[in-house]
Amino acid sequence: MGPAVRIPRGTPDTLAAAFGEAAAIVHLGARPSVPRSIADPVASHLANATGTVAVLEAARRTDAYVVVASSSSVYGATPTLPKHEGLPTRPMSPYAASKLATEAYTNAYAHSYGMSTLALRFFNVFGPRQAAGHAYAAVVPAFVDAALHGRPATIFGDGTQSRDFTYVDTVAAVIADAVVRRHADPDPMNLAFGSRTDLLTLLALLASELGHPVERRHEPTRPGDVAHSQADSSRLRTAFPDIVPTPLDEGLAATVAWMRETTSQ
């Protein structure tokens, strides 16, 4: 048995001091990546689950409204498409389990302490300023980075796996609207608009944007990866009727432009 994991003391006090008189807190901090969580599950738990408890503890002292980021990965092995919030959650990785804990703690704090909270399940968020060029990069920045540097894009599996890609500006618009209106909900809510694009189609869209084919190579499917993901956006559209999602091709073009700029610097 390895050494006991020590949870740092005083974290809620430190956060409470940082929050000050903030009326709203948007908690996006996490240790992302399914493969990373499989390599080090304890670190993912401490950052995502324990870290969220620390944020909530600090927030309840200041009576702040809290938005937290969960993940579509909580649906895991549940095969139904599109994914609606009433489905059972079946995490397939430590990352997914830690995000399920994130939203569960958030809703528990809302019920226990009367806090105003909203847990949003993100679906494959992408856009400028997203890290690329490392082992745990998300699929869009990984594909764009490889294409811009003349490397083949790596696909884990046959490429028919599908995702509900959501541009970062759309995510920010939903969060901003939620904060302004202090929109609270006792249950987690999907934050995606019901699109479904497989990785081969994503590569074709990227090739069209770049004006040349993108070479690809296939690797075995990774443990914990979900085959298909698509949101049922009914509750989201009802709660945020004024938000219009950015189309995938437009978001991809903006991402390519940003990455081109940073690559040339």
C-alpha atoms as a PDB file:
ATOM      1  CA  MET A   1       0.000   0.000   0.000  1.00  0.00           C
ATOM      2  CA  GLY A   2       1.300   3.433  -0.924  1.00  0.00           C
ATOM      3  CA  PRO A   3       1.465   6.456   1.371  1.00  0.00           C
ATOM      4  CA  ALA A   4      -1.789   8.065   2.453  1.00  0.00           C
ATOM      5  CA  VAL A   5      -2.965  10.988   0.352  1.00  0.00           C
ATOM      6  CA  ARG A   6      -3.032  14.185   2.403  1.00  0.00           C
ATOM      7  CA  ILE A   7      -5.663  16.745   1.486  1.00  0.00           C
ATOM      8  CA  PRO A   8      -4.355  20.305   1.987  1.00  0.00           C
ATOM      9  CA  ARG A   9      -5.910  22.167   4.910  1.00  0.00           C
ATOM     10  CA  GLY A  10      -7.168  25.716   4.751  1.00  0.00           C
ATOM     11  CA  THR A  11      -8.126  25.607   1.078  1.00  0.00           C
ATOM     12  CA  PRO A  12     -11.694  26.905   1.614  1.00  0.00           C
ATOM     13  CA  ASP A  13     -10.300  29.833   3.651  1.00  0.00           C
ATOM     14  CA  THR A  14      -7.849  30.670   0.880  1.00  0.00           C
ATOM     15  CA  LEU A  15     -10.609  30.525  -1.710  1.00  0.00           C
ATOM     16  CA  ALA A  16     -13.007  32.561   0.423  1.00  0.00           C
ATOM     17  CA  ALA A  17     -10.379  35.300   0.672  1.00  0.00           C
ATOM     18  CA  ALA A  18      -9.894  35.181  -3.108  1.00  0.00           C
ATOM     19  CA  PHE A  19     -13.644  35.286  -3.752  1.00  0.00           C
ATOM     20  CA  GLY A  20     -14.062  38.359  -1.563  1.00  0.00           C
ATOM     21  CA  GLU A  21     -17.459  39.923  -2.169  1.00  0.00           C
ATOM     22  CA  ALA A  22     -18.037  38.180  -5.492  1.00  0.00           C
ATOM     23  CA  ALA A  23     -21.730  37.697  -6.198  1.00  0.00           C
ATOM     24  CA  ALA A  24     -21.108  34.810  -8.616  1.00  0.00           C
ATOM     25  CA  ILE A  25     -18.423  32.168  -9.070  1.00  0.00           C
ATOM     26  CA  VAL A  26     -17.824  30.199 -12.274  1.00  0.00           C
ATOM     27  CA  HIS A  27     -15.857  27.066 -11.393  1.00  0.00           C
ATOM     28  CA  LEU A  28     -14.080  25.765 -14.502  1.00  0.00           C
ATOM     29  CA  GLY A  29     -10.935  24.509 -12.792  1.00  0.00           C
ATOM     30  CA  ALA A  30     -10.233  20.813 -13.340  1.00  0.00           C
ATOM     31  CA  ARG A  31      -7.675  18.224 -14.298  1.00  0.00           C
ATOM     32  CA  PRO A  32      -8.995  17.255 -17.756  1.00  0.00           C
ATOM     33  CA  SER A  33      -8.487  14.230 -20.031  1.00  0.00           C
ATOM     34  CA  VAL A  34      -9.741  10.661 -19.797  1.00  0.00           C
ATOM     35  CA  PRO A  35      -6.292   9.089 -20.535  1.00  0.00           C
ATOM     36  CA  ARG A  36      -4.666  11.368 -17.959  1.00  0.00           C
ATOM     37  CA  SER A  37      -7.149  10.217 -15.319  1.00  0.00           C
ATOM     38  CA  ILE A  38      -6.468   6.583 -16.127  1.00  0.00           C
ATOM     39  CA  ALA A  39      -2.736   7.219 -15.687  1.00  0.00           C
ATOM     40  CA  ASP A  40      -3.289   9.040 -12.355  1.00  0.00           C
ATOM     41  CA  PRO A  41      -6.814   8.632 -10.984  1.00  0.00           C
ATOM     42  CA  VAL A  42      -6.079  10.073  -7.541  1.00  0.00           C
ATOM     43  CA  ALA A  43      -4.833  13.362  -8.986  1.00  0.00           C
ATOM     44  CA  SER A  44      -8.016  13.668 -11.073  1.00  0.00           C
ATOM     45  CA  HIS A  45     -10.165  12.990  -8.015  1.00  0.00           C
ATOM     46  CA  LEU A  46      -8.364  15.521  -5.847  1.00  0.00           C
ATOM     47  CA  ALA A  47      -8.518  18.280  -8.469  1.00  0.00           C
ATOM     48  CA  ASN A  48     -12.028  17.647  -9.719  1.00  0.00           C
ATOM     49  CA  ALA A  49     -14.015  16.259  -6.788  1.00  0.00           C
ATOM     50  CA  THR A  50     -12.163  17.498  -3.712  1.00  0.00           C
ATOM     51  CA  GLY A  51     -11.366  20.774  -5.457  1.00  0.00           C
ATOM     52  CA  THR A  52     -15.050  21.350  -6.147  1.00  0.00           C
ATOM     53  CA  VAL A  53     -15.946  20.749  -2.498  1.00  0.00           C
ATOM     54  CA  ALA A  54     -13.381  23.390  -1.524  1.00  0.00           C
ATOM     55  CA  VAL A  55     -14.947  25.873  -3.967  1.00  0.00           C
ATOM     56  CA  LEU A  56     -18.443  25.132  -2.692  1.00  0.00           C
ATOM     57  CA  GLU A  57     -17.374  25.451   0.946  1.00  0.00           C
ATOM     58  CA  ALA A  58     -15.900  28.858   0.255  1.00  0.00           C
ATOM     59  CA  ALA A  59     -18.883  29.937  -1.841  1.00  0.00           C
ATOM     60  CA  ARG A  60     -21.466  29.095   0.804  1.00  0.00           C
ATOM     61  CA  ARG A  61     -19.699  31.442   3.233  1.00  0.00           C
ATOM     62  CA  THR A  62     -20.163  34.335   0.806  1.00  0.00           C
ATOM     63  CA  ASP A  63     -23.658  33.369  -0.420  1.00  0.00           C
ATOM     64  CA  ALA A  64     -22.405  33.496  -4.018  1.00  0.00           C
ATOM     65  CA  TYR A  65     -24.196  32.013  -7.005  1.00  0.00           C
ATOM     66  CA  VAL A  66     -22.113  29.134  -8.404  1.00  0.00           C
ATOM     67  CA  VAL A  67     -21.814  27.643 -11.897  1.00  0.00           C
ATOM     68  CA  VAL A  68     -19.717  24.487 -12.222  1.00  0.00           C
ATOM     69  CA  ALA A  69     -18.489  22.574 -15.252  1.00  0.00           C
ATOM     70  CA  SER A  70     -19.367  18.901 -15.438  1.00  0.00           C
ATOM     71  CA  SER A  71     -18.935  16.716 -18.513  1.00  0.00           C
ATOM     72  CA  SER A  72     -20.855  14.622 -21.007  1.00  0.00           C
ATOM     73  CA  SER A  73     -18.476  11.815 -20.038  1.00  0.00           C
ATOM     74  CA  VAL A  74     -20.720  11.093 -17.030  1.00  0.00           C
ATOM     75  CA  TYR A  75     -23.148   9.305 -19.397  1.00  0.00           C
ATOM     76  CA  GLY A  76     -20.330   6.883 -20.240  1.00  0.00           C
ATOM     77  CA  ALA A  77     -21.557   3.451 -21.249  1.00  0.00           C
ATOM     78  CA  THR A  78     -25.198   4.548 -21.555  1.00  0.00           C
ATOM     79  CA  PRO A  79     -25.846   3.971 -25.301  1.00  0.00           C
ATOM     80  CA  THR A  80     -28.966   6.133 -25.833  1.00  0.00           C
ATOM     81  CA  LEU A  81     -28.660   9.054 -28.267  1.00  0.00           C
ATOM     82  CA  PRO A  82     -29.179  11.900 -27.862  1.00  0.00           C
ATOM     83  CA  LYS A  83     -28.148  12.020 -24.221  1.00  0.00           C
ATOM     84  CA  HIS A  84     -30.836  13.544 -22.027  1.00  0.00           C
ATOM     85  CA  GLU A  85     -30.375  14.425 -18.400  1.00  0.00           C
ATOM     86  CA  GLY A  86     -32.784  11.735 -17.233  1.00  0.00           C
ATOM     87  CA  LEU A  87     -30.531   8.920 -18.423  1.00  0.00           C
ATOM     88  CA  PRO A  88     -28.525   6.842 -15.952  1.00  0.00           C
ATOM     89  CA  THR A  89     -24.892   7.859 -15.505  1.00  0.00           C
ATOM     90  CA  ARG A  90     -22.303   5.125 -16.143  1.00  0.00           C
ATOM     91  CA  PRO A  91     -18.798   6.639 -16.010  1.00  0.00           C
ATOM     92  CA  MET A  92     -16.145   4.718 -17.958  1.00  0.00           C
ATOM     93  CA  SER A  93     -13.093   6.504 -16.558  1.00  0.00           C
ATOM     94  CA  PRO A  94     -11.852   8.093 -13.333  1.00  0.00           C
ATOM     95  CA  TYR A  95     -12.212  11.480 -15.044  1.00  0.00           C
ATOM     96  CA  ALA A  96     -15.893  10.839 -15.737  1.00  0.00           C
ATOM     97  CA  ALA A  97     -16.438   9.636 -12.168  1.00  0.00           C
ATOM     98  CA  SER A  98     -14.761  12.758 -10.792  1.00  0.00           C
ATOM     99  CA  LYS A  99     -16.994  15.010 -12.899  1.00  0.00           C
ATOM    100  CA  LEU A 100     -20.068  13.101 -11.735  1.00  0.00           C
ATOM    101  CA  ALA A 101     -18.879  13.795  -8.190  1.00  0.00           C
ATOM    102  CA  THR A 102     -18.439  17.458  -9.149  1.00  0.00           C
ATOM    103  CA  GLU A 103     -22.066  17.875 -10.153  1.00  0.00           C
ATOM    104  CA  ALA A 104     -23.355  15.651  -7.328  1.00  0.00           C
ATOM    105  CA  TYR A 105     -21.609  17.758  -4.697  1.00  0.00           C
ATOM    106  CA  THR A 106     -22.879  20.934  -6.325  1.00  0.00           C
ATOM    107  CA  ASN A 107     -26.474  19.779  -6.222  1.00  0.00           C
ATOM    108  CA  ALA A 108     -26.039  18.407  -2.699  1.00  0.00           C
ATOM    109  CA  TYR A 109     -24.792  21.803  -1.510  1.00  0.00           C
ATOM    110  CA  ALA A 110     -27.753  23.487  -3.183  1.00  0.00           C
ATOM    111  CA  HIS A 111     -30.188  21.202  -1.359  1.00  0.00           C
ATOM    112  CA  SER A 112     -28.329  21.210   1.968  1.00  0.00           C
ATOM    113  CA  TYR A 113     -27.480  24.901   2.269  1.00  0.00           C
ATOM    114  CA  GLY A 114     -29.980  26.646   0.021  1.00  0.00           C
ATOM    115  CA  MET A 115     -27.277  27.773  -2.410  1.00  0.00           C
ATOM    116  CA  SER A 116     -28.089  28.920  -5.943  1.00  0.00           C
ATOM    117  CA  THR A 117     -26.139  26.658  -8.311  1.00  0.00           C
ATOM    118  CA  LEU A 118     -26.035  25.366 -11.860  1.00  0.00           C
ATOM    119  CA  ALA A 119     -24.063  22.311 -13.011  1.00  0.00           C
ATOM    120  CA  LEU A 120     -23.482  22.265 -16.770  1.00  0.00           C
ATOM    121  CA  ARG A 121     -22.435  19.142 -18.658  1.00  0.00           C
ATOM    122  CA  PHE A 122     -19.955  20.292 -21.307  1.00  0.00           C
ATOM    123  CA  PHE A 123     -19.758  18.391 -24.606  1.00  0.00           C
ATOM    124  CA  ASN A 124     -16.388  18.612 -26.434  1.00  0.00           C
ATOM    125  CA  VAL A 125     -15.761  22.322 -26.074  1.00  0.00           C
ATOM    126  CA  PHE A 126     -13.226  23.714 -28.563  1.00  0.00           C
ATOM    127  CA  GLY A 127     -11.851  27.007 -29.785  1.00  0.00           C
ATOM    128  CA  PRO A 128      -8.914  29.430 -29.666  1.00  0.00           C
ATOM    129  CA  ARG A 129      -6.472  29.266 -26.727  1.00  0.00           C
ATOM    130  CA  GLN A 130      -7.071  25.549 -26.213  1.00  0.00           C
ATOM    131  CA  ALA A 131      -3.810  23.737 -25.554  1.00  0.00           C
ATOM    132  CA  ALA A 132      -2.387  21.484 -28.276  1.00  0.00           C
ATOM    133  CA  GLY A 133       0.789  19.577 -29.024  1.00  0.00           C
ATOM    134  CA  HIS A 134       0.768  17.350 -25.938  1.00  0.00           C
ATOM    135  CA  ALA A 135      -0.313  13.810 -25.147  1.00  0.00           C
ATOM    136  CA  TYR A 136      -3.618  14.826 -23.561  1.00  0.00           C
ATOM    137  CA  ALA A 137      -4.769  17.436 -26.079  1.00  0.00           C
ATOM    138  CA  ALA A 138      -8.460  17.463 -27.015  1.00  0.00           C
ATOM    139  CA  VAL A 139      -9.302  16.213 -30.491  1.00  0.00           C
ATOM    140  CA  VAL A 140      -9.886  19.547 -32.307  1.00  0.00           C
ATOM    141  CA  PRO A 141      -6.644  21.263 -31.228  1.00  0.00           C
ATOM    142  CA  ALA A 142      -4.756  17.980 -31.697  1.00  0.00           C
ATOM    143  CA  PHE A 143      -6.003  17.647 -35.289  1.00  0.00           C
ATOM    144  CA  VAL A 144      -5.370  21.305 -36.145  1.00  0.00           C
ATOM    145  CA  ASP A 145      -1.911  21.321 -34.556  1.00  0.00           C
ATOM    146  CA  ALA A 146      -0.904  18.169 -36.436  1.00  0.00           C
ATOM    147  CA  ALA A 147      -2.208  19.501 -39.760  1.00  0.00           C
ATOM    148  CA  LEU A 148      -0.453  22.858 -39.391  1.00  0.00           C
ATOM    149  CA  HIS A 149       2.840  21.146 -38.589  1.00  0.00           C
ATOM    150  CA  GLY A 150       2.630  18.600 -41.395  1.00  0.00           C
ATOM    151  CA  ARG A 151       2.050  15.617 -39.134  1.00  0.00           C
ATOM    152  CA  PRO A 152      -0.700  13.014 -39.563  1.00  0.00           C
ATOM    153  CA  ALA A 153      -3.717  13.456 -37.308  1.00  0.00           C
ATOM    154  CA  THR A 154      -3.989  10.547 -34.885  1.00  0.00           C
ATOM    155  CA  ILE A 155      -7.384   8.863 -34.623  1.00  0.00           C
ATOM    156  CA  PHE A 156      -7.905   6.393 -31.806  1.00  0.00           C
ATOM    157  CA  GLY A 157     -10.228   3.873 -33.415  1.00  0.00           C
ATOM    158  CA  ASP A 158     -11.768   3.826 -36.889  1.00  0.00           C
ATOM    159  CA  GLY A 159     -12.877   7.468 -36.907  1.00  0.00           C
ATOM    160  CA  THR A 160     -16.603   6.780 -36.915  1.00  0.00           C
ATOM    161  CA  GLN A 161     -16.896   7.782 -33.258  1.00  0.00           C
ATOM    162  CA  SER A 162     -18.947  10.957 -32.990  1.00  0.00           C
ATOM    163  CA  ARG A 163     -19.033  14.029 -30.769  1.00  0.00           C
ATOM    164  CA  ASP A 164     -21.256  17.049 -30.125  1.00  0.00           C
ATOM    165  CA  PHE A 165     -18.667  19.790 -30.676  1.00  0.00           C
ATOM    166  CA  THR A 166     -19.484  23.098 -28.974  1.00  0.00           C
ATOM    167  CA  TYR A 167     -17.601  26.306 -29.752  1.00  0.00           C
ATOM    168  CA  VAL A 168     -16.176  28.125 -26.744  1.00  0.00           C
ATOM    169  CA  ASP A 169     -17.986  31.397 -27.499  1.00  0.00           C
ATOM    170  CA  THR A 170     -21.301  29.559 -27.270  1.00  0.00           C
ATOM    171  CA  VAL A 171     -20.322  28.084 -23.914  1.00  0.00           C
ATOM    172  CA  ALA A 172     -19.256  31.517 -22.656  1.00  0.00           C
ATOM    173  CA  ALA A 173     -22.547  33.060 -23.808  1.00  0.00           C
ATOM    174  CA  VAL A 174     -24.572  30.480 -21.869  1.00  0.00           C
ATOM    175  CA  ILE A 175     -22.494  30.956 -18.722  1.00  0.00           C
ATOM    176  CA  ALA A 176     -22.674  34.752 -18.943  1.00  0.00           C
ATOM    177  CA  ASP A 177     -26.448  34.636 -19.345  1.00  0.00           C
ATOM    178  CA  ALA A 178     -26.737  32.226 -16.417  1.00  0.00           C
ATOM    179  CA  VAL A 179     -24.690  34.527 -14.181  1.00  0.00           C
ATOM    180  CA  VAL A 180     -26.590  37.668 -15.151  1.00  0.00           C
ATOM    181  CA  ARG A 181     -29.955  36.028 -14.463  1.00  0.00           C
ATOM    182  CA  ARG A 182     -28.651  33.818 -11.609  1.00  0.00           C
ATOM    183  CA  HIS A 183     -30.325  30.879 -13.313  1.00  0.00           C
ATOM    184  CA  ALA A 184     -30.338  27.998 -10.844  1.00  0.00           C
ATOM    185  CA  ASP A 185     -31.401  24.409 -11.412  1.00  0.00           C
ATOM    186  CA  PRO A 186     -31.555  21.480  -8.980  1.00  0.00           C
ATOM    187  CA  ASP A 187     -30.411  19.060 -11.694  1.00  0.00           C
ATOM    188  CA  PRO A 188     -27.409  19.030 -14.069  1.00  0.00           C
ATOM    189  CA  MET A 189     -27.998  20.467 -17.543  1.00  0.00           C
ATOM    190  CA  ASN A 190     -26.425  19.591 -20.898  1.00  0.00           C
ATOM    191  CA  LEU A 191     -24.473  22.418 -22.512  1.00  0.00           C
ATOM    192  CA  ALA A 192     -24.490  21.472 -26.199  1.00  0.00           C
ATOM    193  CA  PHE A 193     -26.994  21.894 -28.993  1.00  0.00           C
ATOM    194  CA  GLY A 194     -27.520  18.410 -30.383  1.00  0.00           C
ATOM    195  CA  SER A 195     -25.048  18.254 -33.251  1.00  0.00           C
ATOM    196  CA  ARG A 196     -23.244  15.015 -34.006  1.00  0.00           C
ATOM    197  CA  THR A 197     -20.065  14.852 -36.087  1.00  0.00           C
ATOM    198  CA  ASP A 198     -17.794  11.865 -36.538  1.00  0.00           C
ATOM    199  CA  LEU A 199     -14.025  12.313 -36.527  1.00  0.00           C
ATOM    200  CA  LEU A 200     -13.610  11.496 -40.224  1.00  0.00           C
ATOM    201  CA  THR A 201     -16.065  14.279 -41.072  1.00  0.00           C
ATOM    202  CA  LEU A 202     -14.215  16.611 -38.717  1.00  0.00           C
ATOM    203  CA  LEU A 203     -11.002  15.895 -40.621  1.00  0.00           C
ATOM    204  CA  ALA A 204     -12.762  16.575 -43.924  1.00  0.00           C
ATOM    205  CA  LEU A 205     -13.994  19.941 -42.600  1.00  0.00           C
ATOM    206  CA  LEU A 206     -10.461  20.749 -41.454  1.00  0.00           C
ATOM    207  CA  ALA A 207      -9.046  19.815 -44.867  1.00  0.00           C
ATOM    208  CA  SER A 208     -11.591  22.097 -46.520  1.00  0.00           C
ATOM    209  CA  GLU A 209     -10.608  24.968 -44.242  1.00  0.00           C
ATOM    210  CA  LEU A 210      -6.882  24.425 -44.861  1.00  0.00           C
ATOM    211  CA  GLY A 211      -7.275  23.854 -48.593  1.00  0.00           C
ATOM    212  CA  HIS A 212      -5.398  20.552 -48.632  1.00  0.00           C
ATOM    213  CA  PRO A 213      -5.924  16.965 -47.432  1.00  0.00           C
ATOM    214  CA  VAL A 214      -4.986  16.051 -43.867  1.00  0.00           C
ATOM    215  CA  GLU A 215      -3.063  12.819 -43.488  1.00  0.00           C
ATOM    216  CA  ARG A 216      -4.267  10.520 -40.717  1.00  0.00           C
ATOM    217  CA  ARG A 217      -3.081   7.516 -38.827  1.00  0.00           C
ATOM    218  CA  HIS A 218      -5.125   5.134 -36.714  1.00  0.00           C
ATOM    219  CA  GLU A 219      -4.267   3.849 -33.263  1.00  0.00           C
ATOM    220  CA  PRO A 220      -6.193   1.398 -31.062  1.00  0.00           C
ATOM    221  CA  THR A 221      -9.201   2.729 -29.195  1.00  0.00           C
ATOM    222  CA  ARG A 222      -8.213   4.046 -25.788  1.00  0.00           C
ATOM    223  CA  PRO A 223      -9.696   2.727 -22.526  1.00  0.00           C
ATOM    224  CA  GLY A 224     -12.446   4.965 -21.200  1.00  0.00           C
ATOM    225  CA  ASP A 225     -13.273   6.594 -24.548  1.00  0.00           C
ATOM    226  CA  VAL A 226     -16.988   6.863 -25.343  1.00  0.00           C
ATOM    227  CA  ALA A 227     -18.022   5.792 -28.848  1.00  0.00           C
ATOM    228  CA  HIS A 228     -20.730   8.388 -29.474  1.00  0.00           C
ATOM    229  CA  SER A 229     -21.886  11.556 -27.778  1.00  0.00           C
ATOM    230  CA  GLN A 230     -24.762  13.867 -28.641  1.00  0.00           C
ATOM    231  CA  ALA A 231     -26.751  16.141 -26.362  1.00  0.00           C
ATOM    232  CA  ASP A 232     -30.462  16.450 -26.004  1.00  0.00           C
ATOM    233  CA  SER A 233     -30.601  20.245 -25.809  1.00  0.00           C
ATOM    234  CA  SER A 234     -34.269  20.601 -24.848  1.00  0.00           C
ATOM    235  CA  ARG A 235     -33.710  21.894 -21.328  1.00  0.00           C
ATOM    236  CA  LEU A 236     -30.839  24.141 -22.403  1.00  0.00           C
ATOM    237  CA  ARG A 237     -32.857  25.775 -25.180  1.00  0.00           C
ATOM    238  CA  THR A 238     -35.777  26.346 -22.815  1.00  0.00           C
ATOM    239  CA  ALA A 239     -33.565  27.926 -20.161  1.00  0.00           C
ATOM    240  CA  PHE A 240     -31.441  29.963 -22.612  1.00  0.00           C
ATOM    241  CA  PRO A 241     -33.698  30.690 -25.595  1.00  0.00           C
ATOM    242  CA  ASP A 242     -31.647  33.643 -26.848  1.00  0.00           C
ATOM    243  CA  ILE A 243     -28.394  31.712 -27.309  1.00  0.00           C
ATOM    244  CA  VAL A 244     -27.613  30.784 -30.919  1.00  0.00           C
ATOM    245  CA  PRO A 245     -24.784  28.222 -31.228  1.00  0.00           C
ATOM    246  CA  THR A 246     -21.815  28.912 -33.488  1.00  0.00           C
ATOM    247  CA  PRO A 247     -21.773  26.409 -36.394  1.00  0.00           C
ATOM    248  CA  LEU A 248     -18.939  23.877 -36.338  1.00  0.00           C
ATOM    249  CA  ASP A 249     -17.339  25.105 -39.565  1.00  0.00           C
ATOM    250  CA  GLU A 250     -17.247  28.709 -38.325  1.00  0.00           C
ATOM    251  CA  GLY A 251     -15.782  27.711 -34.995  1.00  0.00           C
ATOM    252  CA  LEU A 252     -13.223  25.500 -36.714  1.00  0.00           C
ATOM    253  CA  ALA A 253     -12.193  28.373 -39.011  1.00  0.00           C
ATOM    254  CA  ALA A 254     -11.671  30.678 -36.014  1.00  0.00           C
ATOM    255  CA  THR A 255      -9.649  27.994 -34.258  1.00  0.00           C
ATOM    256  CA  VAL A 256      -7.432  27.411 -37.281  1.00  0.00           C
ATOM    257  CA  ALA A 257      -6.863  31.158 -37.671  1.00  0.00           C
ATOM    258  CA  TRP A 258      -5.795  31.513 -34.051  1.00  0.00           C
ATOM    259  CA  MET A 259      -3.498  28.493 -34.170  1.00  0.00           C
ATOM    260  CA  ARG A 260      -1.939  29.697 -37.411  1.00  0.00           C
ATOM    261  CA  GLU A 261      -1.220  33.042 -35.786  1.00  0.00           C
ATOM    262  CA  THR A 262       0.348  31.520 -32.699  1.00  0.00           C
ATOM    263  CA  THR A 263       2.359  29.043 -34.786  1.00  0.00           C
ATOM    264  CA  SER A 264       3.861  31.868 -36.869  1.00  0.00           C
ATOM    265  CA  GLN A 265       4.986  33.850 -33.813  1.00  0.00           C
END
